[in-house]
Amino acid sequence: MTLNERIEQWEKSPFDESTIAEVDTLRQNPTELEDAFYTDVAFGTGGMRGIMGAGTNRINRYTLGKASQGLANYLNASFKNIAPKIVIAYDCRNNSHTFAKAVAKVFSANNIDTYLFSSLRSTPVLSYAVRQLEAQAGIVLTASHNPPEYNGYKVYNQHGGQIVPPEDKQIVQYIEALNFSDIRWEENAALIHNIDKEVDEVYADTVVSKSLLTEAERQKTSVVFTSLHGTAIATMPTVFEKAGYTSTYWVDEQSEPNGNFPTVVSPNPEEKEAFTLALKKAKEVNADIILGTDPDADRLGIGVKNLNGEWTLLNGNQLMVVLTRFVLENSSISSKNFIASTIVSTPMMIKMAEAFNVECKLGLTGFKWIAKMIQDFPEQTFLCGGEESYGYLFGHDVRDKDAISAALLACDLQAHLATKGSSIYAYLIDSYQRYGCFHEDLVSVTKKGKKGAEEIDALMHDFRNNTPTKIAGIAVITFDDFLAGTSTSVTGKKQAIDLPPANVLRFHLEDGSTIAVRPSGTEPKIKYYFSVNTPLDKASIMLQYKSN
């Protein structure tokens, strides 16, 4: 189908008048029109995600409806001996509630029992609910930490993890076989069930039950928390209360859910600017720790005091390191335990695993691969794991990154160290001295629209076909191409990579550094991951470190 044919399709039935009018308005801007229709919004690292608006490359009731119809067809074909169930949650974003109700109608119209949260809920609560309600699938309407103009659609399997191959490809085949006229919109109200506290209370109790501290140990810890206008506000207060944290301060200006995210440039705990108000609050109340979650509460950022008493924000790798060490030091460990991380995260996870005599499994970028590990290795017990993009999971009751349980774990770490006269920052320095001082950084380059996508493809093609022998004057000793599934040494010797194909390249340098590059699966960006390491002899060196 040509671009013009794709556009013309949206200017008549089955599309409604407002959509047709929006397409007509888009015709006045050829560049935006092309970007809205040149391709289909696709399943990436974290499901479907895109800018809201009319078009095949946009998030709207029709693209979501078609995805839901395809998923409904897949569920009905795959679970013939039972009546399939699906759980739907939505976050604070503009149109999330409307989209959630629309896709609920589609599933009910296809004779699927549909459990819809009565108000906004986080991604980890949705993942937990799928398993709690013994559903065959789950959906959360969210665009995670993306800008306000975005929305999205994460799909979960019956185990509570995001879909992975081959299931994702099978679902996509069902979707691609459909026309927009095939979407069934006729609601079967008897099959739509509202859910609320029956999941919330059990989830909160589960989070608190995993705690490594007693309630008495938490009494003196002062916490500042911001939900960045997102969904954590629906759950985090209950968790703190049940856990016994009584000195908890909320960033009131950011507590109200708001899809426009009016107080921040980006609702992303990876960005220092997002913590401006939280830092101000922490100084006012002399807090011990700052916590912030993204809109769907799967990513956690934290602020701690350094050795000079100044506030500093940990990056995702640093947070993962201190939380993992805390879990390993306070758990009964056996040879059947494992921790997990990703190929672009800090190698320090491997070093700690070796020190504690547990396995560290590495997967591709995206927490769905860690969820798959938990499912694929039932003879082993997952303790904890994380990724550099501020995602962390403690325990296996949830099968996606969970900022709610990670926030409680971070508070427990702070409270535990305070009783010893120490701090999280000192604990991080000690970890560097024990396991090697690793430092990572991420550089993301935004390239929007069709032209941007072509530029990203060209960059990846050039790296593959004109592989550099030196980077910054340092020799490349090994080149990993995860799409080809090969690791090539400087001598030309090739070894197979035992991971599913993925559009990721990684360079191992002679000095022990690594550089990885990949297109983002959720944003129009190409990402460069840098990792360096050296022994850390003097803790005083860390006083010179300034976080991003």
Protein backbone atom coordinates (compact mmCIF):
# COMPACT_ATOMS: atom_id res chain seq x y z
CA MET A 1 0.00 0.00 0.00
CA THR A 2 1.41 3.41 -0.97
CA LEU A 3 1.63 6.34 1.41
CA ASN A 4 -1.30 8.09 -0.31
CA GLU A 5 -3.42 4.94 -0.10
CA ARG A 6 -2.69 4.66 3.60
CA ILE A 7 -3.75 8.28 4.12
CA GLU A 8 -6.90 7.99 1.99
CA GLN A 9 -7.97 4.91 3.97
CA TRP A 10 -8.29 7.12 7.05
CA GLU A 11 -10.55 9.65 5.31
CA LYS A 12 -13.61 7.41 5.20
CA SER A 13 -15.47 4.75 7.17
CA PRO A 14 -14.76 3.01 9.55
CA PHE A 15 -12.97 6.11 10.90
CA ASP A 16 -15.05 8.66 12.77
CA GLU A 17 -15.58 12.29 11.77
CA SER A 18 -13.07 13.74 14.21
CA THR A 19 -10.31 11.44 12.93
CA ILE A 20 -11.13 12.28 9.32
CA ALA A 21 -11.00 15.98 10.19
CA GLU A 22 -7.62 15.53 11.90
CA VAL A 23 -6.21 13.85 8.80
CA ASP A 24 -7.53 16.71 6.70
CA THR A 25 -5.70 19.17 8.96
CA LEU A 26 -2.51 17.12 8.72
CA ARG A 27 -2.58 17.55 4.94
CA GLN A 28 -1.58 21.16 5.52
CA ASN A 29 1.77 19.94 6.89
CA PRO A 30 3.26 17.34 4.50
CA THR A 31 6.15 16.44 6.83
CA GLU A 32 3.88 15.66 9.79
CA LEU A 33 1.44 13.86 7.48
CA GLU A 34 4.18 11.61 6.16
CA ASP A 35 5.49 10.86 9.65
CA ALA A 36 1.97 9.93 10.81
CA PHE A 37 1.44 7.42 8.00
CA TYR A 38 4.75 6.21 6.50
CA THR A 39 4.82 3.14 8.75
CA ASP A 40 2.84 1.35 11.47
CA VAL A 41 3.50 2.00 15.14
CA ALA A 42 5.29 -1.19 16.12
CA PHE A 43 6.07 -3.34 19.14
CA GLY A 44 9.48 -2.28 20.44
CA THR A 45 11.50 -2.87 23.63
CA GLY A 46 8.53 -1.88 25.80
CA GLY A 47 5.49 -2.62 23.65
CA MET A 48 3.79 -0.07 21.40
CA ARG A 49 4.70 3.53 22.10
CA GLY A 50 4.30 6.69 20.07
CA ILE A 51 2.94 10.19 19.71
CA MET A 52 -0.85 10.48 20.07
CA GLY A 53 -2.85 11.51 17.02
CA ALA A 54 -4.39 10.26 13.80
CA GLY A 55 -2.37 7.91 11.61
CA THR A 56 -0.95 4.42 11.40
CA ASN A 57 2.27 5.59 13.08
CA ARG A 58 0.42 7.19 15.97
CA ILE A 59 -1.27 6.05 19.17
CA ASN A 60 -5.05 6.39 18.82
CA ARG A 61 -8.18 4.34 19.42
CA TYR A 62 -7.84 2.65 16.02
CA THR A 63 -4.21 1.54 16.25
CA LEU A 64 -4.85 0.38 19.83
CA GLY A 65 -8.14 -1.19 18.80
CA LYS A 66 -6.46 -3.13 16.00
CA ALA A 67 -3.73 -4.32 18.37
CA SER A 68 -6.40 -5.39 20.86
CA GLN A 69 -8.41 -7.22 18.22
CA GLY A 70 -5.29 -9.09 17.12
CA LEU A 71 -4.41 -9.95 20.72
CA ALA A 72 -8.00 -11.08 21.34
CA ASN A 73 -7.84 -13.37 18.29
CA TYR A 74 -4.52 -14.76 19.54
CA LEU A 75 -5.89 -15.43 23.04
CA ASN A 76 -9.02 -17.14 21.76
CA ALA A 77 -6.95 -19.32 19.42
CA SER A 78 -4.31 -20.15 22.06
CA PHE A 79 -6.58 -20.90 25.03
CA LYS A 80 -9.35 -22.98 23.53
CA ASN A 81 -10.08 -25.07 26.61
CA ILE A 82 -10.66 -22.13 28.97
CA ALA A 83 -12.36 -18.75 28.86
CA PRO A 84 -9.43 -16.30 28.59
CA LYS A 85 -9.09 -13.43 31.02
CA ILE A 86 -7.21 -10.16 30.60
CA VAL A 87 -6.32 -7.41 33.10
CA ILE A 88 -6.11 -3.76 31.99
CA ALA A 89 -4.48 -0.85 33.84
CA TYR A 90 -3.77 2.71 32.80
CA ASP A 91 -1.54 5.53 34.00
CA CYS A 92 -1.90 9.30 34.40
CA ARG A 93 -1.28 10.24 30.78
CA ASN A 94 -3.73 12.20 28.71
CA ASN A 95 -6.24 9.80 27.12
CA SER A 96 -4.97 6.74 29.02
CA HIS A 97 -8.32 6.21 30.75
CA THR A 98 -10.23 6.72 27.49
CA PHE A 99 -7.96 4.30 25.66
CA ALA A 100 -8.29 1.73 28.46
CA LYS A 101 -12.09 1.79 28.25
CA ALA A 102 -11.95 1.54 24.45
CA VAL A 103 -9.72 -1.54 24.40
CA ALA A 104 -11.75 -3.12 27.22
CA LYS A 105 -14.78 -2.95 24.90
CA VAL A 106 -12.84 -4.78 22.19
CA PHE A 107 -11.83 -7.63 24.48
CA SER A 108 -15.32 -7.99 25.90
CA ALA A 109 -16.75 -8.00 22.38
CA ASN A 110 -14.50 -11.01 21.71
CA ASN A 111 -15.88 -12.94 24.71
CA ILE A 112 -12.83 -12.34 26.89
CA ASP A 113 -13.37 -11.65 30.60
CA THR A 114 -11.88 -8.20 31.09
CA TYR A 115 -10.70 -6.94 34.49
CA LEU A 116 -10.29 -3.16 34.39
CA PHE A 117 -8.80 -1.15 37.25
CA SER A 118 -11.26 1.47 38.45
CA SER A 119 -8.58 4.19 38.52
CA LEU A 120 -4.96 4.65 37.54
CA ARG A 121 -2.48 1.94 38.58
CA SER A 122 1.22 1.33 38.12
CA THR A 123 2.91 -1.12 35.79
CA PRO A 124 4.15 -3.39 38.65
CA VAL A 125 0.64 -3.60 40.10
CA LEU A 126 -0.64 -4.68 36.67
CA SER A 127 2.07 -7.34 36.39
CA TYR A 128 1.20 -8.59 39.87
CA ALA A 129 -2.54 -8.60 39.10
CA VAL A 130 -2.12 -10.82 36.03
CA ARG A 131 -0.69 -13.59 38.19
CA GLN A 132 -2.96 -12.88 41.17
CA LEU A 133 -6.10 -13.16 39.02
CA GLU A 134 -4.70 -16.05 36.96
CA ALA A 135 -5.31 -14.14 33.75
CA GLN A 136 -3.91 -15.10 30.36
CA ALA A 137 -2.74 -11.58 29.47
CA GLY A 138 -2.44 -8.03 30.74
CA ILE A 139 -2.22 -4.53 29.29
CA VAL A 140 -1.17 -1.21 30.72
CA LEU A 141 -1.83 2.02 28.84
CA THR A 142 1.34 4.03 29.39
CA ALA A 143 4.31 5.63 27.68
CA SER A 144 6.48 5.27 30.78
CA HIS A 145 8.86 8.25 31.05
CA ASN A 146 8.31 9.67 27.54
CA PRO A 147 7.20 13.30 26.96
CA PRO A 148 3.50 14.31 27.40
CA GLU A 149 2.57 13.88 23.72
CA TYR A 150 3.27 10.13 23.93
CA ASN A 151 1.16 7.19 25.01
CA GLY A 152 1.54 3.46 24.64
CA TYR A 153 0.40 -0.09 25.17
CA LYS A 154 2.43 -2.69 27.08
CA VAL A 155 1.31 -6.31 26.66
CA TYR A 156 1.91 -8.96 29.33
CA ASN A 157 1.70 -12.75 29.11
CA GLN A 158 0.06 -15.11 31.59
CA HIS A 159 3.22 -15.18 33.71
CA GLY A 160 3.11 -11.42 34.31
CA GLY A 161 6.07 -10.53 32.08
CA GLN A 162 6.04 -8.50 28.90
CA ILE A 163 5.71 -10.59 25.76
CA VAL A 164 8.88 -11.95 24.14
CA PRO A 165 9.63 -14.13 21.08
CA PRO A 166 8.04 -16.19 19.74
CA GLU A 167 4.81 -14.99 21.36
CA ASP A 168 5.26 -11.36 20.33
CA LYS A 169 5.76 -12.29 16.68
CA GLN A 170 2.71 -14.56 16.76
CA ILE A 171 0.58 -11.73 18.16
CA VAL A 172 1.93 -9.31 15.55
CA GLN A 173 0.94 -11.76 12.82
CA TYR A 174 -2.64 -11.75 14.10
CA ILE A 175 -2.62 -7.94 14.16
CA GLU A 176 -1.16 -7.58 10.68
CA ALA A 177 -3.80 -9.94 9.26
CA LEU A 178 -6.53 -7.43 10.23
CA ASN A 179 -8.10 -4.43 8.58
CA PHE A 180 -9.31 -1.56 10.75
CA SER A 181 -12.85 -2.53 9.75
CA ASP A 182 -12.32 -5.88 11.52
CA ILE A 183 -12.17 -4.30 14.98
CA ARG A 184 -15.12 -5.37 17.13
CA TRP A 185 -16.23 -2.42 19.24
CA GLU A 186 -19.56 -3.84 20.55
CA GLU A 187 -19.15 -3.85 24.32
CA ASN A 188 -20.32 -6.85 26.32
CA ALA A 189 -20.77 -5.12 29.68
CA ALA A 190 -21.29 -8.42 31.51
CA LEU A 191 -17.65 -9.35 30.77
CA ILE A 192 -16.08 -6.11 32.05
CA HIS A 193 -15.25 -6.26 35.76
CA ASN A 194 -13.89 -3.34 37.77
CA ILE A 195 -11.10 -4.21 40.20
CA ASP A 196 -9.63 -2.15 43.00
CA LYS A 197 -8.58 -2.89 46.57
CA GLU A 198 -8.76 -6.67 46.20
CA VAL A 199 -5.48 -6.43 44.27
CA ASP A 200 -4.00 -3.30 45.88
CA GLU A 201 -4.02 -4.60 49.45
CA VAL A 202 -2.50 -7.96 48.56
CA TYR A 203 0.20 -6.32 46.44
CA ALA A 204 1.14 -3.87 49.23
CA ASP A 205 1.25 -6.70 51.78
CA THR A 206 3.47 -8.73 49.44
CA VAL A 207 5.91 -5.85 48.99
CA VAL A 208 6.19 -5.23 52.73
CA SER A 209 6.49 -8.95 53.54
CA LYS A 210 9.77 -9.14 51.58
CA SER A 211 11.39 -6.45 53.72
CA LEU A 212 14.83 -7.17 55.14
CA LEU A 213 14.25 -4.96 58.23
CA THR A 214 11.91 -4.82 61.20
CA GLU A 215 9.44 -1.97 61.62
CA ALA A 216 11.37 -0.64 64.61
CA GLU A 217 14.50 -0.14 62.50
CA ARG A 218 12.63 2.27 60.21
CA GLN A 219 11.38 4.76 62.78
CA LYS A 220 14.23 7.27 62.49
CA THR A 221 14.54 7.37 58.68
CA SER A 222 13.21 10.50 56.99
CA VAL A 223 12.04 10.10 53.38
CA VAL A 224 11.10 12.58 50.65
CA PHE A 225 9.08 11.03 47.85
CA THR A 226 7.88 12.34 44.50
CA SER A 227 5.66 10.47 42.05
CA LEU A 228 6.38 13.05 39.29
CA HIS A 229 2.61 13.38 38.69
CA GLY A 230 2.36 9.62 38.13
CA THR A 231 0.74 6.44 39.42
CA ALA A 232 2.96 5.64 42.42
CA ILE A 233 0.84 7.99 44.51
CA ALA A 234 -1.93 5.35 44.37
CA THR A 235 0.22 2.73 46.12
CA MET A 236 3.35 4.13 47.74
CA PRO A 237 1.62 5.79 50.73
CA THR A 238 0.02 2.47 51.68
CA VAL A 239 3.34 0.63 51.40
CA PHE A 240 5.16 3.20 53.55
CA GLU A 241 2.39 3.07 56.15
CA LYS A 242 2.36 -0.73 56.31
CA ALA A 243 6.15 -0.81 56.54
CA GLY A 244 6.25 1.68 59.40
CA TYR A 245 7.97 4.66 57.78
CA THR A 246 6.37 7.53 59.68
CA SER A 247 8.66 10.42 58.66
CA THR A 248 7.59 10.55 55.02
CA TYR A 249 7.31 13.82 53.13
CA TRP A 250 5.56 14.18 49.78
CA VAL A 251 6.39 16.68 47.07
CA ASP A 252 2.86 18.05 47.01
CA GLU A 253 3.27 19.97 43.75
CA GLN A 254 3.97 16.64 41.98
CA SER A 255 1.58 14.36 43.89
CA GLU A 256 -1.47 15.03 41.76
CA PRO A 257 -1.58 12.81 38.64
CA ASN A 258 -1.29 14.99 35.55
CA GLY A 259 -0.47 13.85 32.02
CA ASN A 260 0.97 17.26 31.15
CA PHE A 261 3.65 16.91 33.85
CA PRO A 262 3.56 20.67 34.52
CA THR A 263 6.42 20.91 37.04
CA VAL A 264 9.13 19.08 35.07
CA VAL A 265 10.72 19.20 31.64
CA SER A 266 10.59 15.39 31.54
CA PRO A 267 8.88 13.00 34.01
CA ASN A 268 11.98 10.83 34.04
CA PRO A 269 13.94 9.96 37.20
CA GLU A 270 17.02 9.61 34.98
CA GLU A 271 16.99 13.40 34.61
CA LYS A 272 18.43 15.54 37.42
CA GLU A 273 15.99 18.36 36.64
CA ALA A 274 13.05 16.12 37.61
CA PHE A 275 14.33 16.14 41.22
CA THR A 276 14.51 19.93 41.60
CA LEU A 277 11.47 20.17 43.87
CA ALA A 278 12.35 16.99 45.76
CA LEU A 279 15.85 18.29 46.50
CA LYS A 280 14.36 21.55 47.76
CA LYS A 281 11.98 19.62 50.03
CA ALA A 282 14.76 17.36 51.31
CA LYS A 283 16.85 20.34 52.38
CA GLU A 284 13.85 21.90 54.14
CA VAL A 285 13.07 18.80 56.23
CA ASN A 286 16.64 17.47 56.50
CA ALA A 287 15.66 14.16 54.92
CA ASP A 288 17.86 11.06 54.79
CA ILE A 289 16.88 9.88 51.31
CA ILE A 290 14.99 11.11 48.23
CA LEU A 291 12.92 8.78 46.03
CA GLY A 292 11.28 9.52 42.67
CA THR A 293 9.33 7.32 40.26
CA ASP A 294 8.31 7.77 36.64
CA PRO A 295 4.63 8.00 35.53
CA ASP A 296 3.92 4.25 35.51
CA ALA A 297 6.16 3.61 38.57
CA ASP A 298 8.49 1.05 37.06
CA ARG A 299 11.62 3.25 37.22
CA LEU A 300 13.16 4.55 40.43
CA GLY A 301 15.66 7.34 41.00
CA ILE A 302 17.17 8.14 44.39
CA GLY A 303 19.11 10.97 45.99
CA VAL A 304 21.54 10.43 48.88
CA LYS A 305 24.05 12.52 50.79
CA ASN A 306 27.72 12.17 49.91
CA LEU A 307 30.59 12.16 52.39
CA ASN A 308 30.42 15.96 52.61
CA GLY A 309 26.71 15.91 53.38
CA GLU A 310 25.80 17.23 49.92
CA TRP A 311 22.91 15.74 47.97
CA THR A 312 23.84 13.64 44.95
CA LEU A 313 21.72 11.51 42.62
CA LEU A 314 22.76 7.94 41.94
CA ASN A 315 22.56 6.66 38.38
CA GLY A 316 20.76 3.44 37.51
CA ASN A 317 23.87 1.28 37.65
CA GLN A 318 24.89 2.63 41.06
CA LEU A 319 21.41 2.08 42.46
CA MET A 320 21.40 -1.47 41.10
CA VAL A 321 24.79 -2.19 42.71
CA VAL A 322 23.94 -1.02 46.25
CA LEU A 323 20.50 -2.65 46.28
CA THR A 324 21.87 -5.95 44.96
CA ARG A 325 24.71 -6.04 47.48
CA PHE A 326 22.20 -5.35 50.28
CA VAL A 327 20.00 -8.24 49.13
CA LEU A 328 22.96 -10.61 48.76
CA GLU A 329 24.33 -9.74 52.20
CA ASN A 330 20.97 -10.27 53.91
CA SER A 331 19.57 -13.34 52.13
CA SER A 332 20.03 -17.05 52.63
CA ILE A 333 21.95 -17.87 49.48
CA SER A 334 22.27 -21.26 47.81
CA SER A 335 23.67 -22.53 44.53
CA LYS A 336 20.14 -22.37 43.13
CA ASN A 337 19.90 -18.58 43.46
CA PHE A 338 20.61 -16.14 40.66
CA ILE A 339 20.63 -12.42 40.03
CA ALA A 340 20.13 -10.79 36.63
CA SER A 341 21.05 -7.79 34.54
CA THR A 342 21.45 -6.74 30.88
CA ILE A 343 24.27 -6.57 28.35
CA VAL A 344 24.43 -2.75 28.50
CA SER A 345 24.44 -2.51 32.30
CA THR A 346 27.42 -2.40 34.67
CA PRO A 347 29.76 -5.44 34.68
CA MET A 348 29.95 -4.90 38.43
CA MET A 349 26.89 -7.15 38.78
CA ILE A 350 28.99 -10.06 37.51
CA LYS A 351 31.81 -9.22 39.93
CA MET A 352 29.44 -9.18 42.91
CA ALA A 353 27.81 -12.44 41.83
CA GLU A 354 31.23 -14.08 41.75
CA ALA A 355 32.02 -12.74 45.22
CA PHE A 356 28.79 -14.18 46.67
CA ASN A 357 29.00 -17.41 44.65
CA VAL A 358 25.72 -16.92 42.80
CA GLU A 359 25.02 -16.85 39.08
CA CYS A 360 24.46 -13.57 37.26
CA LYS A 361 22.40 -14.07 34.12
CA LEU A 362 22.63 -11.40 31.42
CA GLY A 363 19.88 -10.66 28.92
CA LEU A 364 19.14 -8.22 26.16
CA THR A 365 18.00 -4.67 26.88
CA GLY A 366 14.50 -4.62 28.33
CA PHE A 367 13.20 -6.07 31.57
CA LYS A 368 11.06 -8.58 29.70
CA TRP A 369 14.19 -10.69 29.28
CA ILE A 370 14.73 -10.84 33.05
CA ALA A 371 11.08 -11.87 33.46
CA LYS A 372 11.73 -14.60 30.89
CA MET A 373 14.72 -15.84 32.90
CA ILE A 374 12.51 -16.24 35.97
CA GLN A 375 10.06 -18.29 33.90
CA ASP A 376 12.68 -20.31 32.00
CA PHE A 377 14.62 -21.45 35.07
CA PRO A 378 12.02 -22.71 37.58
CA GLU A 379 14.66 -24.90 39.24
CA GLN A 380 16.49 -21.71 40.28
CA THR A 381 15.31 -18.85 42.51
CA PHE A 382 15.60 -15.26 41.32
CA LEU A 383 16.79 -12.95 44.10
CA CYS A 384 16.94 -9.56 42.41
CA GLY A 385 18.09 -7.81 39.27
CA GLY A 386 18.18 -4.57 37.40
CA GLU A 387 19.18 -2.60 34.36
CA GLU A 388 21.01 0.67 33.83
CA SER A 389 17.83 2.52 32.88
CA TYR A 390 16.74 2.76 36.55
CA GLY A 391 14.74 -0.46 36.56
CA TYR A 392 14.96 -2.90 39.48
CA LEU A 393 13.10 -5.94 40.79
CA PHE A 394 13.38 -7.56 44.23
CA GLY A 395 11.82 -11.04 44.34
CA HIS A 396 9.66 -12.69 41.71
CA ASP A 397 6.09 -11.84 42.69
CA VAL A 398 6.15 -9.11 40.01
CA ARG A 399 7.62 -9.90 36.59
CA ASP A 400 8.64 -6.42 35.49
CA LYS A 401 10.74 -3.67 37.01
CA ASP A 402 9.04 -2.44 40.15
CA ALA A 403 9.83 1.00 41.53
CA ILE A 404 7.43 0.49 44.46
CA SER A 405 9.26 -2.47 45.99
CA ALA A 406 12.63 -0.99 44.96
CA ALA A 407 11.76 2.25 46.80
CA LEU A 408 11.02 0.33 49.98
CA LEU A 409 14.24 -1.66 49.56
CA ALA A 410 16.24 1.59 49.15
CA CYS A 411 14.66 3.02 52.32
CA ASP A 412 15.49 -0.17 54.18
CA LEU A 413 19.09 0.06 53.02
CA GLN A 414 19.31 3.65 54.26
CA ALA A 415 17.75 2.74 57.62
CA HIS A 416 20.02 -0.30 58.01
CA LEU A 417 23.21 1.65 57.28
CA ALA A 418 22.18 4.51 59.57
CA THR A 419 22.11 2.12 62.52
CA LYS A 420 25.75 1.37 61.72
CA GLY A 421 26.70 5.02 61.44
CA SER A 422 27.13 4.71 57.68
CA SER A 423 25.32 5.85 54.53
CA ILE A 424 24.37 4.63 51.06
CA TYR A 425 27.10 6.76 49.50
CA ALA A 426 29.77 5.28 51.79
CA TYR A 427 28.34 1.83 51.00
CA LEU A 428 28.72 2.56 47.27
CA ILE A 429 32.37 3.59 47.74
CA ASP A 430 33.06 0.46 49.77
CA SER A 431 31.48 -1.58 46.96
CA TYR A 432 33.84 0.06 44.44
CA GLN A 433 36.79 -0.82 46.64
CA ARG A 434 35.64 -4.43 46.99
CA TYR A 435 34.56 -5.21 43.43
CA GLY A 436 36.31 -2.61 41.24
CA CYS A 437 35.38 0.98 40.45
CA PHE A 438 33.09 0.83 37.45
CA HIS A 439 31.66 3.98 35.92
CA GLU A 440 29.04 4.07 33.19
CA ASP A 441 27.44 6.81 31.13
CA LEU A 442 24.75 6.97 28.48
CA VAL A 443 24.58 9.36 25.54
CA SER A 444 21.28 9.48 23.64
CA VAL A 445 20.96 11.27 20.29
CA THR A 446 17.42 12.14 19.20
CA LYS A 447 16.57 11.71 15.51
CA LYS A 448 12.87 12.24 14.85
CA GLY A 449 10.58 11.19 12.01
CA LYS A 450 11.19 9.12 8.91
CA LYS A 451 14.45 10.91 8.13
CA GLY A 452 15.68 10.30 11.68
CA ALA A 453 14.84 6.59 11.49
CA GLU A 454 16.79 6.36 8.22
CA GLU A 455 19.79 8.13 9.79
CA ILE A 456 19.78 5.71 12.72
CA ASP A 457 19.63 2.74 10.33
CA ALA A 458 22.55 4.22 8.36
CA LEU A 459 24.64 4.64 11.52
CA MET A 460 24.06 1.05 12.61
CA HIS A 461 24.85 -0.18 9.07
CA ASP A 462 28.10 1.82 9.03
CA PHE A 463 29.22 0.49 12.42
CA ARG A 464 28.59 -3.06 11.21
CA ASN A 465 30.23 -2.77 7.83
CA ASN A 466 33.05 -0.35 8.68
CA THR A 467 33.85 -1.61 12.15
CA PRO A 468 36.44 0.65 13.79
CA THR A 469 39.73 -0.96 14.85
CA LYS A 470 40.38 1.86 17.33
CA ILE A 471 38.14 4.15 19.36
CA ALA A 472 39.73 7.28 20.87
CA GLY A 473 43.08 5.72 20.02
CA ILE A 474 42.35 2.55 22.00
CA ALA A 475 42.35 -0.75 20.12
CA VAL A 476 39.12 -2.70 19.70
CA ILE A 477 39.85 -6.31 20.71
CA THR A 478 36.37 -7.81 20.33
CA PHE A 479 33.29 -6.76 18.38
CA ASP A 480 29.85 -8.20 19.30
CA ASP A 481 26.99 -8.07 16.82
CA PHE A 482 23.89 -9.31 18.61
CA LEU A 483 21.80 -9.18 15.44
CA ALA A 484 24.17 -11.55 13.66
CA GLY A 485 24.72 -13.48 16.89
CA THR A 486 28.51 -13.37 16.62
CA SER A 487 31.44 -12.11 18.69
CA THR A 488 34.53 -11.41 16.57
CA SER A 489 38.03 -11.07 18.07
CA VAL A 490 40.83 -8.89 16.73
CA THR A 491 42.30 -12.03 15.16
CA GLY A 492 39.09 -12.66 13.23
CA LYS A 493 37.97 -15.61 15.33
CA LYS A 494 34.18 -15.77 15.70
CA GLN A 495 32.11 -17.16 18.53
CA ALA A 496 28.34 -17.53 18.76
CA ILE A 497 26.37 -15.31 21.14
CA ASP A 498 23.75 -17.31 23.01
CA LEU A 499 21.03 -14.66 23.02
CA PRO A 500 18.08 -13.90 20.72
CA PRO A 501 18.87 -11.57 17.78
CA ALA A 502 18.79 -7.86 18.67
CA ASN A 503 19.95 -4.71 16.94
CA VAL A 504 22.81 -4.06 19.38
CA LEU A 505 26.56 -3.66 18.78
CA ARG A 506 29.23 -3.78 21.48
CA PHE A 507 32.94 -2.96 21.32
CA HIS A 508 35.43 -4.30 23.88
CA LEU A 509 38.53 -2.12 24.09
CA GLU A 510 42.08 -3.01 25.03
CA ASP A 511 41.95 -1.03 28.28
CA GLY A 512 38.92 -2.99 29.55
CA SER A 513 36.32 -0.41 28.55
CA THR A 514 33.19 -1.31 26.61
CA ILE A 515 30.98 0.74 24.31
CA ALA A 516 27.57 -0.44 23.14
CA VAL A 517 25.24 1.17 20.62
CA ARG A 518 21.58 0.46 19.82
CA PRO A 519 18.48 2.21 18.51
CA SER A 520 15.95 2.87 21.27
CA GLY A 521 12.92 0.62 21.16
CA THR A 522 10.66 3.28 22.69
CA GLU A 523 11.89 6.67 21.44
CA PRO A 524 13.37 8.14 18.23
CA LYS A 525 16.91 7.90 19.58
CA ILE A 526 20.18 6.10 19.06
CA LYS A 527 21.87 5.24 22.37
CA TYR A 528 25.57 4.90 23.20
CA TYR A 529 26.53 3.09 26.43
CA PHE A 530 30.01 3.60 27.90
CA SER A 531 31.62 1.60 30.70
CA VAL A 532 35.12 2.02 32.20
CA ASN A 533 36.69 0.58 35.32
CA THR A 534 39.79 0.82 37.49
CA PRO A 535 40.81 -0.23 41.01
CA LEU A 536 39.75 2.27 43.68
CA ASP A 537 42.45 2.61 46.33
CA LYS A 538 41.32 5.76 48.10
CA ALA A 539 37.73 6.56 49.06
CA SER A 540 38.57 10.26 48.99
CA ILE A 541 38.67 10.12 45.21
CA MET A 542 34.91 9.71 45.20
CA LEU A 543 34.48 13.15 46.73
CA GLN A 544 35.45 14.52 43.34
CA TYR A 545 32.66 12.56 41.63
CA LYS A 546 29.63 14.53 40.49
CA SER A 547 26.57 12.59 39.28
CA ASN A 548 24.68 13.65 36.19
